[in-house]
PDB file of N, CA and C in Angstrom:
ATOM      1  N   UNK A   1     -44.027 -47.039 -34.559  1.00  0.00           N
ATOM      2  CA  UNK A   1     -45.444 -46.961 -34.225  1.00  0.00           C
ATOM      3  C   UNK A   1     -45.957 -45.583 -34.624  1.00  0.00           C
ATOM      4  N   UNK A   2     -47.161 -45.570 -35.178  1.00  0.00           N
ATOM      5  CA  UNK A   2     -47.795 -44.347 -35.640  1.00  0.00           C
ATOM      6  C   UNK A   2     -48.119 -43.429 -34.465  1.00  0.00           C
ATOM      7  N   UNK A   3     -47.751 -42.163 -34.590  1.00  0.00           N
ATOM      8  CA  UNK A   3     -48.053 -41.162 -33.567  1.00  0.00           C
ATOM      9  C   UNK A   3     -49.455 -40.628 -33.819  1.00  0.00           C
ATOM     10  N   UNK A   4     -50.385 -41.042 -32.995  1.00  0.00           N
ATOM     11  CA  UNK A   4     -51.779 -40.625 -33.161  1.00  0.00           C
ATOM     12  C   UNK A   4     -52.139 -39.436 -32.272  1.00  0.00           C
ATOM     13  N   UNK A   5     -51.156 -38.793 -31.695  1.00  0.00           N
ATOM     14  CA  UNK A   5     -51.439 -37.665 -30.803  1.00  0.00           C
ATOM     15  C   UNK A   5     -52.183 -36.516 -31.497  1.00  0.00           C
ATOM     16  N   UNK A   6     -51.979 -36.263 -32.800  1.00  0.00           N
ATOM     17  CA  UNK A   6     -52.794 -35.207 -33.419  1.00  0.00           C
ATOM     18  C   UNK A   6     -54.299 -35.519 -33.371  1.00  0.00           C
ATOM     19  N   UNK A   7     -54.647 -36.780 -33.539  1.00  0.00           N
ATOM     20  CA  UNK A   7     -56.053 -37.167 -33.473  1.00  0.00           C
ATOM     21  C   UNK A   7     -56.582 -37.056 -32.050  1.00  0.00           C
ATOM     22  N   UNK A   8     -55.853 -37.593 -31.105  1.00  0.00           N
ATOM     23  CA  UNK A   8     -56.344 -37.545 -29.727  1.00  0.00           C
ATOM     24  C   UNK A   8     -56.423 -36.100 -29.227  1.00  0.00           C
ATOM     25  N   UNK A   9     -55.482 -35.262 -29.623  1.00  0.00           N
ATOM     26  CA  UNK A   9     -55.522 -33.853 -29.212  1.00  0.00           C
ATOM     27  C   UNK A   9     -56.730 -33.147 -29.817  1.00  0.00           C
ATOM     28  N   UNK A  10     -57.002 -33.390 -31.092  1.00  0.00           N
ATOM     29  CA  UNK A  10     -58.149 -32.747 -31.753  1.00  0.00           C
ATOM     30  C   UNK A  10     -59.463 -33.208 -31.128  1.00  0.00           C
ATOM     31  N   UNK A  11     -59.568 -34.504 -30.845  1.00  0.00           N
ATOM     32  CA  UNK A  11     -60.777 -35.049 -30.234  1.00  0.00           C
ATOM     33  C   UNK A  11     -60.966 -34.482 -28.826  1.00  0.00           C
ATOM     34  N   UNK A  12     -59.914 -34.449 -28.050  1.00  0.00           N
ATOM     35  CA  UNK A  12     -60.002 -33.918 -26.678  1.00  0.00           C
ATOM     36  C   UNK A  12     -60.388 -32.434 -26.688  1.00  0.00           C
ATOM     37  N   UNK A  13     -59.818 -31.672 -27.611  1.00  0.00           N
ATOM     38  CA  UNK A  13     -60.130 -30.234 -27.694  1.00  0.00           C
ATOM     39  C   UNK A  13     -61.620 -30.035 -28.017  1.00  0.00           C
ATOM     40  N   UNK A  14     -62.111 -30.764 -29.011  1.00  0.00           N
ATOM     41  CA  UNK A  14     -63.514 -30.649 -29.385  1.00  0.00           C
ATOM     42  C   UNK A  14     -64.411 -31.098 -28.229  1.00  0.00           C
ATOM     43  N   UNK A  15     -64.075 -32.205 -27.593  1.00  0.00           N
ATOM     44  CA  UNK A  15     -64.873 -32.712 -26.473  1.00  0.00           C
ATOM     45  C   UNK A  15     -64.904 -31.707 -25.327  1.00  0.00           C
ATOM     46  N   UNK A  16     -63.777 -31.083 -25.030  1.00  0.00           N
ATOM     47  CA  UNK A  16     -63.736 -30.071 -23.969  1.00  0.00           C
ATOM     48  C   UNK A  16     -64.656 -28.894 -24.295  1.00  0.00           C
ATOM     49  N   UNK A  17     -64.664 -28.499 -25.557  1.00  0.00           N
ATOM     50  CA  UNK A  17     -65.542 -27.401 -25.962  1.00  0.00           C
ATOM     51  C   UNK A  17     -67.006 -27.806 -25.846  1.00  0.00           C
ATOM     52  N   UNK A  18     -67.311 -29.048 -26.185  1.00  0.00           N
ATOM     53  CA  UNK A  18     -68.690 -29.526 -26.043  1.00  0.00           C
ATOM     54  C   UNK A  18     -69.105 -29.558 -24.578  1.00  0.00           C
ATOM     55  N   UNK A  19     -68.222 -30.028 -23.722  1.00  0.00           N
ATOM     56  CA  UNK A  19     -68.536 -30.114 -22.292  1.00  0.00           C
ATOM     57  C   UNK A  19     -68.769 -28.736 -21.682  1.00  0.00           C
ATOM     58  N   UNK A  20     -68.100 -27.727 -22.228  1.00  0.00           N
ATOM     59  CA  UNK A  20     -68.228 -26.368 -21.703  1.00  0.00           C
ATOM     60  C   UNK A  20     -69.344 -25.574 -22.387  1.00  0.00           C
ATOM     61  N   UNK A  21     -69.905 -26.109 -23.434  1.00  0.00           N
ATOM     62  CA  UNK A  21     -70.922 -25.387 -24.202  1.00  0.00           C
ATOM     63  C   UNK A  21     -72.247 -25.328 -23.445  1.00  0.00           C
ATOM     64  N   UNK A  22     -72.967 -24.240 -23.615  1.00  0.00           N
ATOM     65  CA  UNK A  22     -74.291 -24.163 -22.987  1.00  0.00           C
ATOM     66  C   UNK A  22     -75.264 -25.135 -23.656  1.00  0.00           C
ATOM     67  N   UNK A  23     -76.266 -25.510 -22.904  1.00  0.00           N
ATOM     68  CA  UNK A  23     -77.267 -26.453 -23.402  1.00  0.00           C
ATOM     69  C   UNK A  23     -77.889 -25.946 -24.703  1.00  0.00           C
ATOM     70  N   UNK A  24     -78.115 -24.665 -24.806  1.00  0.00           N
ATOM     71  CA  UNK A  24     -78.748 -24.116 -26.008  1.00  0.00           C
ATOM     72  C   UNK A  24     -77.904 -24.377 -27.253  1.00  0.00           C
ATOM     73  N   UNK A  25     -76.601 -24.244 -27.145  1.00  0.00           N
ATOM     74  CA  UNK A  25     -75.730 -24.501 -28.297  1.00  0.00           C
ATOM     75  C   UNK A  25     -75.724 -25.991 -28.645  1.00  0.00           C
ATOM     76  N   UNK A  26     -75.675 -26.819 -27.620  1.00  0.00           N
ATOM     77  CA  UNK A  26     -75.703 -28.261 -27.863  1.00  0.00           C
ATOM     78  C   UNK A  26     -76.980 -28.661 -28.593  1.00  0.00           C
ATOM     79  N   UNK A  27     -78.095 -28.098 -28.175  1.00  0.00           N
ATOM     80  CA  UNK A  27     -79.386 -28.436 -28.784  1.00  0.00           C
ATOM     81  C   UNK A  27     -79.554 -27.821 -30.172  1.00  0.00           C
ATOM     82  N   UNK A  28     -78.827 -26.743 -30.456  1.00  0.00           N
ATOM     83  CA  UNK A  28     -78.921 -26.103 -31.784  1.00  0.00           C
ATOM     84  C   UNK A  28     -78.117 -26.855 -32.834  1.00  0.00           C
ATOM     85  N   UNK A  29     -77.486 -27.931 -32.477  1.00  0.00           N
ATOM     86  CA  UNK A  29     -76.820 -28.725 -33.494  1.00  0.00           C
ATOM     87  C   UNK A  29     -75.412 -29.176 -33.163  1.00  0.00           C
ATOM     88  N   UNK A  30     -74.792 -28.578 -32.154  1.00  0.00           N
ATOM     89  CA  UNK A  30     -73.425 -28.980 -31.821  1.00  0.00           C
ATOM     90  C   UNK A  30     -73.369 -30.440 -31.389  1.00  0.00           C
ATOM     91  N   UNK A  31     -74.343 -30.861 -30.586  1.00  0.00           N
ATOM     92  CA  UNK A  31     -74.346 -32.250 -30.116  1.00  0.00           C
ATOM     93  C   UNK A  31     -74.611 -33.212 -31.271  1.00  0.00           C
ATOM     94  N   UNK A  32     -75.519 -32.846 -32.164  1.00  0.00           N
ATOM     95  CA  UNK A  32     -75.810 -33.716 -33.308  1.00  0.00           C
ATOM     96  C   UNK A  32     -74.587 -33.848 -34.208  1.00  0.00           C
ATOM     97  N   UNK A  33     -73.880 -32.751 -34.420  1.00  0.00           N
ATOM     98  CA  UNK A  33     -72.661 -32.777 -35.239  1.00  0.00           C
ATOM     99  C   UNK A  33     -71.616 -33.684 -34.592  1.00  0.00           C
ATOM    100  N   UNK A  34     -71.461 -33.566 -33.286  1.00  0.00           N
ATOM    101  CA  UNK A  34     -70.471 -34.376 -32.578  1.00  0.00           C
ATOM    102  C   UNK A  34     -70.855 -35.860 -32.572  1.00  0.00           C
ATOM    103  N   UNK A  35     -72.135 -36.150 -32.420  1.00  0.00           N
ATOM    104  CA  UNK A  35     -72.572 -37.548 -32.446  1.00  0.00           C
ATOM    105  C   UNK A  35     -72.337 -38.149 -33.824  1.00  0.00           C
ATOM    106  N   UNK A  36     -72.633 -37.398 -34.859  1.00  0.00           N
ATOM    107  CA  UNK A  36     -72.384 -37.882 -36.218  1.00  0.00           C
ATOM    108  C   UNK A  36     -70.895 -38.182 -36.408  1.00  0.00           C
ATOM    109  N   UNK A  37     -70.040 -37.309 -35.893  1.00  0.00           N
ATOM    110  CA  UNK A  37     -68.596 -37.526 -35.984  1.00  0.00           C
ATOM    111  C   UNK A  37     -68.185 -38.759 -35.180  1.00  0.00           C
ATOM    112  N   UNK A  38     -68.688 -38.883 -33.960  1.00  0.00           N
ATOM    113  CA  UNK A  38     -68.351 -40.045 -33.131  1.00  0.00           C
ATOM    114  C   UNK A  38     -68.745 -41.344 -33.834  1.00  0.00           C
ATOM    115  N   UNK A  39     -69.900 -41.328 -34.454  1.00  0.00           N
ATOM    116  CA  UNK A  39     -70.344 -42.521 -35.183  1.00  0.00           C
ATOM    117  C   UNK A  39     -69.421 -42.826 -36.356  1.00  0.00           C
ATOM    118  N   UNK A  40     -68.994 -41.796 -37.069  1.00  0.00           N
ATOM    119  CA  UNK A  40     -68.090 -41.999 -38.202  1.00  0.00           C
ATOM    120  C   UNK A  40     -66.737 -42.534 -37.736  1.00  0.00           C
ATOM    121  N   UNK A  41     -66.206 -41.972 -36.660  1.00  0.00           N
ATOM    122  CA  UNK A  41     -64.924 -42.454 -36.137  1.00  0.00           C
ATOM    123  C   UNK A  41     -65.049 -43.901 -35.675  1.00  0.00           C
ATOM    124  N   UNK A  42     -66.182 -44.244 -35.068  1.00  0.00           N
ATOM    125  CA  UNK A  42     -66.404 -45.618 -34.609  1.00  0.00           C
ATOM    126  C   UNK A  42     -66.468 -46.583 -35.791  1.00  0.00           C
ATOM    127  N   UNK A  43     -67.130 -46.180 -36.860  1.00  0.00           N
ATOM    128  CA  UNK A  43     -67.205 -47.021 -38.061  1.00  0.00           C
ATOM    129  C   UNK A  43     -65.801 -47.256 -38.613  1.00  0.00           C
ATOM    130  N   UNK A  44     -64.993 -46.217 -38.652  1.00  0.00           N
ATOM    131  CA  UNK A  44     -63.628 -46.347 -39.170  1.00  0.00           C
ATOM    132  C   UNK A  44     -62.789 -47.273 -38.292  1.00  0.00           C
ATOM    133  N   UNK A  45     -62.948 -47.158 -36.982  1.00  0.00           N
ATOM    134  CA  UNK A  45     -62.207 -48.038 -36.075  1.00  0.00           C
ATOM    135  C   UNK A  45     -62.633 -49.489 -36.266  1.00  0.00           C
ATOM    136  N   UNK A  46     -63.926 -49.714 -36.393  1.00  0.00           N
ATOM    137  CA  UNK A  46     -64.430 -51.071 -36.586  1.00  0.00           C
ATOM    138  C   UNK A  46     -63.907 -51.664 -37.888  1.00  0.00           C
ATOM    139  N   UNK A  47     -63.836 -50.849 -38.935  1.00  0.00           N
ATOM    140  CA  UNK A  47     -63.336 -51.334 -40.220  1.00  0.00           C
ATOM    141  C   UNK A  47     -61.871 -51.743 -40.128  1.00  0.00           C
ATOM    142  N   UNK A  48     -61.088 -51.015 -39.336  1.00  0.00           N
ATOM    143  CA  UNK A  48     -59.680 -51.376 -39.152  1.00  0.00           C
ATOM    144  C   UNK A  48     -59.530 -52.625 -38.291  1.00  0.00           C
ATOM    145  N   UNK A  49     -60.372 -52.738 -37.278  1.00  0.00           N
ATOM    146  CA  UNK A  49     -60.280 -53.878 -36.358  1.00  0.00           C
ATOM    147  C   UNK A  49     -60.793 -55.172 -36.979  1.00  0.00           C
ATOM    148  N   UNK A  50     -61.736 -55.044 -37.911  1.00  0.00           N
ATOM    149  CA  UNK A  50     -62.334 -56.222 -38.551  1.00  0.00           C
ATOM    150  C   UNK A  50     -62.456 -55.964 -40.048  1.00  0.00           C
ATOM    151  N   UNK A  51     -61.319 -56.012 -40.769  1.00  0.00           N
ATOM    152  CA  UNK A  51     -61.350 -55.676 -42.201  1.00  0.00           C
ATOM    153  C   UNK A  51     -62.253 -56.584 -43.032  1.00  0.00           C
ATOM    154  N   UNK A  52     -62.498 -57.799 -42.571  1.00  0.00           N
ATOM    155  CA  UNK A  52     -63.363 -58.706 -43.322  1.00  0.00           C
ATOM    156  C   UNK A  52     -64.835 -58.347 -43.159  1.00  0.00           C
ATOM    157  N   UNK A  53     -65.155 -57.569 -42.138  1.00  0.00           N
ATOM    158  CA  UNK A  53     -66.541 -57.199 -41.891  1.00  0.00           C
ATOM    159  C   UNK A  53     -67.371 -58.339 -41.334  1.00  0.00           C
ATOM    160  N   UNK A  54     -66.711 -59.318 -40.737  1.00  0.00           N
ATOM    161  CA  UNK A  54     -67.411 -60.493 -40.220  1.00  0.00           C
ATOM    162  C   UNK A  54     -68.281 -60.164 -39.003  1.00  0.00           C
ATOM    163  N   UNK A  55     -67.813 -59.260 -38.168  1.00  0.00           N
ATOM    164  CA  UNK A  55     -68.578 -58.899 -36.973  1.00  0.00           C
ATOM    165  C   UNK A  55     -69.683 -57.917 -37.344  1.00  0.00           C
ATOM    166  N   UNK A  56     -70.827 -58.005 -36.673  1.00  0.00           N
ATOM    167  CA  UNK A  56     -71.897 -57.053 -36.965  1.00  0.00           C
ATOM    168  C   UNK A  56     -71.470 -55.630 -36.569  1.00  0.00           C
ATOM    169  N   UNK A  57     -71.869 -54.667 -37.377  1.00  0.00           N
ATOM    170  CA  UNK A  57     -71.528 -53.269 -37.094  1.00  0.00           C
ATOM    171  C   UNK A  57     -72.223 -52.815 -35.818  1.00  0.00           C
ATOM    172  N   UNK A  58     -71.509 -52.041 -35.045  1.00  0.00           N
ATOM    173  CA  UNK A  58     -72.059 -51.469 -33.822  1.00  0.00           C
ATOM    174  C   UNK A  58     -72.225 -49.964 -34.047  1.00  0.00           C
ATOM    175  N   UNK A  59     -73.384 -49.439 -33.663  1.00  0.00           N
ATOM    176  CA  UNK A  59     -73.680 -48.023 -33.861  1.00  0.00           C
ATOM    177  C   UNK A  59     -73.630 -47.309 -32.519  1.00  0.00           C
ATOM    178  N   UNK A  60     -72.941 -46.191 -32.500  1.00  0.00           N
ATOM    179  CA  UNK A  60     -72.868 -45.364 -31.292  1.00  0.00           C
ATOM    180  C   UNK A  60     -74.286 -44.856 -30.984  1.00  0.00           C
ATOM    181  N   UNK A  61     -74.808 -45.163 -29.799  1.00  0.00           N
ATOM    182  CA  UNK A  61     -76.178 -44.739 -29.483  1.00  0.00           C
ATOM    183  C   UNK A  61     -76.250 -43.243 -29.170  1.00  0.00           C
ATOM    184  N   UNK A  62     -77.428 -42.688 -29.319  1.00  0.00           N
ATOM    185  CA  UNK A  62     -77.658 -41.296 -28.942  1.00  0.00           C
ATOM    186  C   UNK A  62     -78.055 -41.296 -27.472  1.00  0.00           C
ATOM    187  N   UNK A  63     -77.135 -40.913 -26.620  1.00  0.00           N
ATOM    188  CA  UNK A  63     -77.376 -40.917 -25.173  1.00  0.00           C
ATOM    189  C   UNK A  63     -77.678 -39.530 -24.625  1.00  0.00           C
ATOM    190  N   UNK A  64     -77.826 -38.563 -25.512  1.00  0.00           N
ATOM    191  CA  UNK A  64     -78.197 -37.215 -25.083  1.00  0.00           C
ATOM    192  C   UNK A  64     -77.078 -36.207 -25.269  1.00  0.00           C
ATOM    193  N   UNK A  65     -77.463 -34.950 -25.220  1.00  0.00           N
ATOM    194  CA  UNK A  65     -76.529 -33.867 -25.530  1.00  0.00           C
ATOM    195  C   UNK A  65     -75.416 -33.711 -24.505  1.00  0.00           C
ATOM    196  N   UNK A  66     -75.636 -34.166 -23.293  1.00  0.00           N
ATOM    197  CA  UNK A  66     -74.635 -33.942 -22.247  1.00  0.00           C
ATOM    198  C   UNK A  66     -73.532 -34.990 -22.193  1.00  0.00           C
ATOM    199  N   UNK A  67     -73.671 -36.079 -22.939  1.00  0.00           N
ATOM    200  CA  UNK A  67     -72.627 -37.107 -22.937  1.00  0.00           C
ATOM    201  C   UNK A  67     -71.907 -37.236 -24.270  1.00  0.00           C
ATOM    202  N   UNK A  68     -72.310 -36.438 -25.240  1.00  0.00           N
ATOM    203  CA  UNK A  68     -71.738 -36.584 -26.574  1.00  0.00           C
ATOM    204  C   UNK A  68     -70.236 -36.294 -26.591  1.00  0.00           C
ATOM    205  N   UNK A  69     -69.767 -35.427 -25.733  1.00  0.00           N
ATOM    206  CA  UNK A  69     -68.323 -35.177 -25.653  1.00  0.00           C
ATOM    207  C   UNK A  69     -67.571 -36.431 -25.240  1.00  0.00           C
ATOM    208  N   UNK A  70     -68.118 -37.142 -24.269  1.00  0.00           N
ATOM    209  CA  UNK A  70     -67.488 -38.386 -23.826  1.00  0.00           C
ATOM    210  C   UNK A  70     -67.557 -39.452 -24.913  1.00  0.00           C
ATOM    211  N   UNK A  71     -68.679 -39.517 -25.623  1.00  0.00           N
ATOM    212  CA  UNK A  71     -68.802 -40.475 -26.710  1.00  0.00           C
ATOM    213  C   UNK A  71     -67.770 -40.181 -27.806  1.00  0.00           C
ATOM    214  N   UNK A  72     -67.557 -38.911 -28.072  1.00  0.00           N
ATOM    215  CA  UNK A  72     -66.570 -38.515 -29.073  1.00  0.00           C
ATOM    216  C   UNK A  72     -65.168 -38.961 -28.661  1.00  0.00           C
ATOM    217  N   UNK A  73     -64.835 -38.781 -27.396  1.00  0.00           N
ATOM    218  CA  UNK A  73     -63.519 -39.197 -26.907  1.00  0.00           C
ATOM    219  C   UNK A  73     -63.347 -40.712 -27.025  1.00  0.00           C
ATOM    220  N   UNK A  74     -64.356 -41.458 -26.641  1.00  0.00           N
ATOM    221  CA  UNK A  74     -64.276 -42.925 -26.730  1.00  0.00           C
ATOM    222  C   UNK A  74     -64.044 -43.352 -28.176  1.00  0.00           C
ATOM    223  N   UNK A  75     -64.821 -42.802 -29.094  1.00  0.00           N
ATOM    224  CA  UNK A  75     -64.677 -43.171 -30.505  1.00  0.00           C
ATOM    225  C   UNK A  75     -63.317 -42.749 -31.052  1.00  0.00           C
ATOM    226  N   UNK A  76     -62.867 -41.559 -30.684  1.00  0.00           N
ATOM    227  CA  UNK A  76     -61.570 -41.083 -31.158  1.00  0.00           C
ATOM    228  C   UNK A  76     -60.413 -41.912 -30.637  1.00  0.00           C
ATOM    229  N   UNK A  77     -60.473 -42.283 -29.363  1.00  0.00           N
ATOM    230  CA  UNK A  77     -59.403 -43.105 -28.792  1.00  0.00           C
ATOM    231  C   UNK A  77     -59.422 -44.518 -29.372  1.00  0.00           C
ATOM    232  N   UNK A  78     -60.616 -45.044 -29.631  1.00  0.00           N
ATOM    233  CA  UNK A  78     -60.713 -46.353 -30.283  1.00  0.00           C
ATOM    234  C   UNK A  78     -60.076 -46.319 -31.669  1.00  0.00           C
ATOM    235  N   UNK A  79     -60.355 -45.250 -32.417  1.00  0.00           N
ATOM    236  CA  UNK A  79     -59.771 -45.136 -33.748  1.00  0.00           C
ATOM    237  C   UNK A  79     -58.256 -44.974 -33.661  1.00  0.00           C
ATOM    238  N   UNK A  80     -57.787 -44.178 -32.720  1.00  0.00           N
ATOM    239  CA  UNK A  80     -56.340 -43.997 -32.560  1.00  0.00           C
ATOM    240  C   UNK A  80     -55.663 -45.335 -32.271  1.00  0.00           C
ATOM    241  N   UNK A  81     -56.258 -46.126 -31.405  1.00  0.00           N
ATOM    242  CA  UNK A  81     -55.692 -47.441 -31.079  1.00  0.00           C
ATOM    243  C   UNK A  81     -55.716 -48.358 -32.298  1.00  0.00           C
ATOM    244  N   UNK A  82     -56.805 -48.341 -33.042  1.00  0.00           N
ATOM    245  CA  UNK A  82     -56.902 -49.180 -34.242  1.00  0.00           C
ATOM    246  C   UNK A  82     -55.870 -48.751 -35.285  1.00  0.00           C
ATOM    247  N   UNK A  83     -55.628 -47.465 -35.407  1.00  0.00           N
ATOM    248  CA  UNK A  83     -54.623 -46.971 -36.355  1.00  0.00           C
ATOM    249  C   UNK A  83     -53.217 -47.403 -35.937  1.00  0.00           C
ATOM    250  N   UNK A  84     -52.938 -47.328 -34.639  1.00  0.00           N
ATOM    251  CA  UNK A  84     -51.619 -47.776 -34.162  1.00  0.00           C
ATOM    252  C   UNK A  84     -51.435 -49.262 -34.423  1.00  0.00           C
ATOM    253  N   UNK A  85     -52.470 -50.051 -34.195  1.00  0.00           N
ATOM    254  CA  UNK A  85     -52.385 -51.495 -34.430  1.00  0.00           C
ATOM    255  C   UNK A  85     -52.227 -51.795 -35.921  1.00  0.00           C
ATOM    256  N   UNK A  86     -52.930 -51.056 -36.764  1.00  0.00           N
ATOM    257  CA  UNK A  86     -52.839 -51.273 -38.210  1.00  0.00           C
ATOM    258  C   UNK A  86     -51.468 -50.889 -38.738  1.00  0.00           C
ATOM    259  N   UNK A  87     -50.837 -49.925 -38.104  1.00  0.00           N
ATOM    260  CA  UNK A  87     -49.507 -49.484 -38.528  1.00  0.00           C
ATOM    261  C   UNK A  87     -48.455 -50.531 -38.212  1.00  0.00           C
ATOM    262  N   UNK A  88     -48.791 -51.463 -37.341  1.00  0.00           N
ATOM    263  CA  UNK A  88     -47.847 -52.508 -36.962  1.00  0.00           C
ATOM    264  C   UNK A  88     -47.674 -53.590 -38.003  1.00  0.00           C
ATOM    265  N   UNK A  89     -48.334 -53.460 -39.115  1.00  0.00           N
ATOM    266  CA  UNK A  89     -48.137 -54.441 -40.173  1.00  0.00           C
ATOM    267  C   UNK A  89     -49.272 -55.418 -40.315  1.00  0.00           C
ATOM    268  N   UNK A  90     -50.450 -54.906 -40.543  1.00  0.00           N
ATOM    269  CA  UNK A  90     -51.595 -55.765 -40.788  1.00  0.00           C
ATOM    270  C   UNK A  90     -51.747 -56.015 -42.276  1.00  0.00           C
ATOM    271  N   UNK A  91     -52.917 -56.441 -42.683  1.00  0.00           N
ATOM    272  CA  UNK A  91     -53.161 -56.688 -44.105  1.00  0.00           C
ATOM    273  C   UNK A  91     -53.079 -55.390 -44.905  1.00  0.00           C
ATOM    274  N   UNK A  92     -52.712 -55.535 -46.166  1.00  0.00           N
ATOM    275  CA  UNK A  92     -52.610 -54.361 -47.025  1.00  0.00           C
ATOM    276  C   UNK A  92     -53.982 -53.717 -47.176  1.00  0.00           C
ATOM    277  N   UNK A  93     -53.991 -52.398 -47.202  1.00  0.00           N
ATOM    278  CA  UNK A  93     -55.238 -51.680 -47.414  1.00  0.00           C
ATOM    279  C   UNK A  93     -55.002 -50.628 -48.476  1.00  0.00           C
ATOM    280  N   UNK A  94     -56.084 -50.056 -48.942  1.00  0.00           N
ATOM    281  CA  UNK A  94     -55.982 -49.057 -50.005  1.00  0.00           C
ATOM    282  C   UNK A  94     -55.294 -47.791 -49.512  1.00  0.00           C
ATOM    283  N   UNK A  95     -55.398 -47.509 -48.237  1.00  0.00           N
ATOM    284  CA  UNK A  95     -54.841 -46.285 -47.688  1.00  0.00           C
ATOM    285  C   UNK A  95     -53.964 -46.622 -46.481  1.00  0.00           C
ATOM    286  N   UNK A  96     -52.822 -45.997 -46.386  1.00  0.00           N
ATOM    287  CA  UNK A  96     -51.920 -46.228 -45.262  1.00  0.00           C
ATOM    288  C   UNK A  96     -52.526 -45.646 -43.989  1.00  0.00           C
ATOM    289  N   UNK A  97     -52.208 -46.227 -42.824  1.00  0.00           N
ATOM    290  CA  UNK A  97     -52.720 -45.690 -41.569  1.00  0.00           C
ATOM    291  C   UNK A  97     -52.407 -44.202 -41.370  1.00  0.00           C
ATOM    292  N   UNK A  98     -51.256 -43.741 -41.836  1.00  0.00           N
ATOM    293  CA  UNK A  98     -50.941 -42.315 -41.666  1.00  0.00           C
ATOM    294  C   UNK A  98     -51.901 -41.448 -42.475  1.00  0.00           C
ATOM    295  N   UNK A  99     -52.310 -41.920 -43.650  1.00  0.00           N
ATOM    296  CA  UNK A  99     -53.290 -41.191 -44.448  1.00  0.00           C
ATOM    297  C   UNK A  99     -54.662 -41.185 -43.785  1.00  0.00           C
ATOM    298  N   UNK A 100     -55.015 -42.320 -43.185  1.00  0.00           N
ATOM    299  CA  UNK A 100     -56.286 -42.404 -42.465  1.00  0.00           C
ATOM    300  C   UNK A 100     -56.265 -41.493 -41.242  1.00  0.00           C
ATOM    301  N   UNK A 101     -55.113 -41.401 -40.597  1.00  0.00           N
ATOM    302  CA  UNK A 101     -54.969 -40.517 -39.450  1.00  0.00           C
ATOM    303  C   UNK A 101     -55.191 -39.065 -39.866  1.00  0.00           C
ATOM    304  N   UNK A 102     -54.523 -38.645 -40.929  1.00  0.00           N
ATOM    305  CA  UNK A 102     -54.673 -37.264 -41.401  1.00  0.00           C
ATOM    306  C   UNK A 102     -56.126 -36.963 -41.760  1.00  0.00           C
ATOM    307  N   UNK A 103     -56.776 -37.920 -42.401  1.00  0.00           N
ATOM    308  CA  UNK A 103     -58.176 -37.749 -42.779  1.00  0.00           C
ATOM    309  C   UNK A 103     -59.069 -37.624 -41.548  1.00  0.00           C
ATOM    310  N   UNK A 104     -58.822 -38.432 -40.528  1.00  0.00           N
ATOM    311  CA  UNK A 104     -59.617 -38.388 -39.302  1.00  0.00           C
ATOM    312  C   UNK A 104     -59.429 -37.062 -38.572  1.00  0.00           C
ATOM    313  N   UNK A 105     -58.194 -36.581 -38.513  1.00  0.00           N
ATOM    314  CA  UNK A 105     -57.931 -35.290 -37.868  1.00  0.00           C
ATOM    315  C   UNK A 105     -58.691 -34.184 -38.595  1.00  0.00           C
ATOM    316  N   UNK A 106     -58.670 -34.213 -39.918  1.00  0.00           N
ATOM    317  CA  UNK A 106     -59.396 -33.214 -40.702  1.00  0.00           C
ATOM    318  C   UNK A 106     -60.903 -33.297 -40.437  1.00  0.00           C
ATOM    319  N   UNK A 107     -61.439 -34.512 -40.327  1.00  0.00           N
ATOM    320  CA  UNK A 107     -62.864 -34.674 -40.026  1.00  0.00           C
ATOM    321  C   UNK A 107     -63.217 -34.040 -38.685  1.00  0.00           C
ATOM    322  N   UNK A 108     -62.375 -34.276 -37.682  1.00  0.00           N
ATOM    323  CA  UNK A 108     -62.624 -33.721 -36.351  1.00  0.00           C
ATOM    324  C   UNK A 108     -62.571 -32.191 -36.403  1.00  0.00           C
ATOM    325  N   UNK A 109     -61.560 -31.656 -37.034  1.00  0.00           N
ATOM    326  CA  UNK A 109     -61.422 -30.199 -37.092  1.00  0.00           C
ATOM    327  C   UNK A 109     -62.579 -29.551 -37.834  1.00  0.00           C
ATOM    328  N   UNK A 110     -63.014 -30.156 -38.941  1.00  0.00           N
ATOM    329  CA  UNK A 110     -64.144 -29.597 -39.701  1.00  0.00           C
ATOM    330  C   UNK A 110     -65.442 -29.685 -38.911  1.00  0.00           C
ATOM    331  N   UNK A 111     -65.657 -30.790 -38.228  1.00  0.00           N
ATOM    332  CA  UNK A 111     -66.878 -30.940 -37.429  1.00  0.00           C
ATOM    333  C   UNK A 111     -66.887 -29.938 -36.282  1.00  0.00           C
ATOM    334  N   UNK A 112     -65.738 -29.705 -35.680  1.00  0.00           N
ATOM    335  CA  UNK A 112     -65.654 -28.736 -34.590  1.00  0.00           C
ATOM    336  C   UNK A 112     -66.025 -27.331 -35.094  1.00  0.00           C
ATOM    337  N   UNK A 113     -65.526 -26.975 -36.242  1.00  0.00           N
ATOM    338  CA  UNK A 113     -65.834 -25.666 -36.817  1.00  0.00           C
ATOM    339  C   UNK A 113     -67.339 -25.546 -37.059  1.00  0.00           C
ATOM    340  N   UNK A 114     -67.940 -26.561 -37.679  1.00  0.00           N
ATOM    341  CA  UNK A 114     -69.375 -26.519 -37.960  1.00  0.00           C
ATOM    342  C   UNK A 114     -70.191 -26.460 -36.668  1.00  0.00           C
ATOM    343  N   UNK A 115     -69.793 -27.232 -35.663  1.00  0.00           N
ATOM    344  CA  UNK A 115     -70.561 -27.332 -34.427  1.00  0.00           C
ATOM    345  C   UNK A 115     -70.466 -26.077 -33.570  1.00  0.00           C
ATOM    346  N   UNK A 116     -69.336 -25.438 -33.587  1.00  0.00           N
ATOM    347  CA  UNK A 116     -69.116 -24.345 -32.639  1.00  0.00           C
ATOM    348  C   UNK A 116     -69.251 -22.950 -33.257  1.00  0.00           C
ATOM    349  N   UNK A 117     -69.688 -22.869 -34.499  1.00  0.00           N
ATOM    350  CA  UNK A 117     -69.842 -21.526 -35.100  1.00  0.00           C
ATOM    351  C   UNK A 117     -71.096 -20.852 -34.634  1.00  0.00           C
TER     352      UNK A 117
END
């Protein structure tokens, strides 16, 4: 089974920083950056869970700057679970789940840098 702990650790670290950030920083773009990331992680999880694209896409709603950390965690954990399930031997894809994991971790780390600078 794929070890997704690097993704969950990166998501939790970023979410903790968002939760501790002052409102001014969240409003200056940190929350928007995190919401964009949460939406991207959710899209990736949905693509793994429904490779045919038969189900309608679900978009992470904007619930405000104070909940974006929680939204990020939900999306990250959903993606981690989808990656573990895909590693169990699903349909062939262009990229292996381990490659998708590395890419997701990099996305989280880059978004954290942009949001918290």
